[in-house]
Amino acid sequence: MRSATILHSNGDALDIAVKDGRIVGVRGREQDRVNRGRLGPKDLYG
């Protein structure tokens, strides 16, 4: 599932892995011009 973080103003792009209706993983999207695949603590644990 494609999404973007709303925890701060720059809206880092991320991919969310979902299994049986639950989030099982999150990763940054490499093609994103803002975060270039990296996620900060707010994005990972928010």
N, C-alpha and C. Protein backbone atom coordinates (compact mmCIF):
# COMPACT_ATOMS: atom_id res chain seq x y z
N MET A 1 0.84 -1.15 0.00
CA MET A 1 0.00 0.00 0.00
C MET A 1 0.90 1.23 0.00
N ARG A 2 0.62 2.15 -0.88
CA ARG A 2 1.41 3.39 -0.96
C ARG A 2 0.76 4.46 -0.09
N SER A 3 1.61 5.23 0.59
CA SER A 3 1.11 6.27 1.47
C SER A 3 2.16 7.36 1.61
N ALA A 4 1.88 8.33 2.46
CA ALA A 4 2.84 9.38 2.81
C ALA A 4 2.64 9.72 4.26
N THR A 5 3.71 10.06 4.92
CA THR A 5 3.61 10.41 6.33
C THR A 5 2.97 11.78 6.50
N ILE A 6 2.21 11.94 7.54
CA ILE A 6 1.60 13.24 7.84
C ILE A 6 2.12 13.77 9.18
N LEU A 7 3.19 13.17 9.69
CA LEU A 7 3.70 13.54 11.01
C LEU A 7 4.55 14.81 10.98
N HIS A 8 4.96 15.25 9.81
CA HIS A 8 5.68 16.51 9.67
C HIS A 8 5.39 17.07 8.29
N SER A 9 5.85 18.25 8.00
CA SER A 9 5.39 18.98 6.82
C SER A 9 5.87 18.48 5.48
N ASN A 10 6.95 17.68 5.41
CA ASN A 10 7.48 17.34 4.08
C ASN A 10 6.84 16.11 3.45
N GLY A 11 6.03 15.33 4.14
CA GLY A 11 5.25 14.25 3.54
C GLY A 11 6.08 13.17 2.89
N ASP A 12 7.01 12.56 3.63
CA ASP A 12 7.83 11.47 3.09
C ASP A 12 6.97 10.34 2.53
N ALA A 13 7.32 9.86 1.35
CA ALA A 13 6.59 8.75 0.74
C ALA A 13 7.02 7.44 1.39
N LEU A 14 6.05 6.56 1.63
CA LEU A 14 6.38 5.27 2.23
C LEU A 14 5.45 4.19 1.71
N ASP A 15 5.91 2.97 1.84
CA ASP A 15 5.13 1.79 1.49
C ASP A 15 4.79 1.05 2.78
N ILE A 16 3.55 0.62 2.90
CA ILE A 16 3.08 -0.08 4.09
C ILE A 16 2.71 -1.50 3.70
N ALA A 17 3.31 -2.48 4.37
CA ALA A 17 2.98 -3.89 4.13
C ALA A 17 1.84 -4.27 5.07
N VAL A 18 0.78 -4.86 4.50
CA VAL A 18 -0.40 -5.24 5.27
C VAL A 18 -0.66 -6.72 5.08
N LYS A 19 -0.93 -7.42 6.18
CA LYS A 19 -1.29 -8.84 6.12
C LYS A 19 -2.45 -9.07 7.07
N ASP A 20 -3.50 -9.68 6.57
CA ASP A 20 -4.69 -9.96 7.36
C ASP A 20 -5.24 -8.71 8.04
N GLY A 21 -5.18 -7.58 7.33
CA GLY A 21 -5.74 -6.35 7.84
C GLY A 21 -4.88 -5.63 8.87
N ARG A 22 -3.65 -6.08 9.08
CA ARG A 22 -2.75 -5.46 10.06
C ARG A 22 -1.47 -5.00 9.39
N ILE A 23 -0.90 -3.90 9.87
CA ILE A 23 0.38 -3.41 9.36
C ILE A 23 1.48 -4.32 9.87
N VAL A 24 2.29 -4.83 8.93
CA VAL A 24 3.39 -5.72 9.31
C VAL A 24 4.76 -5.16 8.92
N GLY A 25 4.79 -4.02 8.22
CA GLY A 25 6.06 -3.42 7.85
C GLY A 25 5.87 -2.07 7.20
N VAL A 26 6.91 -1.24 7.31
CA VAL A 26 6.91 0.09 6.70
C VAL A 26 8.30 0.35 6.14
N ARG A 27 8.37 0.92 4.94
CA ARG A 27 9.67 1.30 4.38
C ARG A 27 9.51 2.55 3.54
N GLY A 28 10.59 3.29 3.42
CA GLY A 28 10.59 4.49 2.60
C GLY A 28 10.65 4.11 1.13
N ARG A 29 10.09 4.96 0.28
CA ARG A 29 10.10 4.72 -1.16
C ARG A 29 11.32 5.39 -1.77
N GLU A 30 12.21 4.59 -2.39
CA GLU A 30 13.49 5.10 -2.92
C GLU A 30 13.31 6.21 -3.94
N GLN A 31 12.26 6.20 -4.72
CA GLN A 31 12.06 7.19 -5.77
C GLN A 31 11.60 8.54 -5.23
N ASP A 32 11.26 8.61 -3.94
CA ASP A 32 10.73 9.85 -3.38
C ASP A 32 11.81 10.93 -3.36
N ARG A 33 11.47 12.13 -3.80
CA ARG A 33 12.45 13.22 -3.87
C ARG A 33 12.75 13.83 -2.52
N VAL A 34 11.90 13.58 -1.52
CA VAL A 34 12.11 14.16 -0.19
C VAL A 34 12.99 13.25 0.67
N ASN A 35 12.59 12.00 0.83
CA ASN A 35 13.30 11.14 1.78
C ASN A 35 14.22 10.10 1.12
N ARG A 36 14.12 9.94 -0.19
CA ARG A 36 15.00 9.03 -0.95
C ARG A 36 15.13 7.65 -0.30
N GLY A 37 14.01 7.14 0.23
CA GLY A 37 13.99 5.80 0.79
C GLY A 37 14.29 5.70 2.27
N ARG A 38 14.64 6.81 2.88
CA ARG A 38 14.94 6.78 4.32
C ARG A 38 13.72 7.23 5.11
N LEU A 39 13.58 6.68 6.32
CA LEU A 39 12.52 7.10 7.23
C LEU A 39 13.11 7.47 8.57
N GLY A 40 12.59 8.52 9.16
CA GLY A 40 13.02 8.92 10.48
C GLY A 40 12.22 8.17 11.55
N PRO A 41 12.56 8.35 12.83
CA PRO A 41 11.85 7.67 13.91
C PRO A 41 10.36 7.94 13.94
N LYS A 42 9.94 9.17 13.66
CA LYS A 42 8.50 9.47 13.65
C LYS A 42 7.79 8.63 12.58
N ASP A 43 8.41 8.50 11.42
CA ASP A 43 7.80 7.73 10.33
C ASP A 43 7.74 6.24 10.66
N LEU A 44 8.78 5.72 11.27
CA LEU A 44 8.84 4.29 11.58
C LEU A 44 7.91 3.88 12.71
N TYR A 45 7.81 4.72 13.74
CA TYR A 45 7.08 4.31 14.94
C TYR A 45 5.80 5.09 15.18
N GLY A 46 5.52 6.06 14.32
CA GLY A 46 4.31 6.86 14.50
C GLY A 46 3.08 6.13 14.12
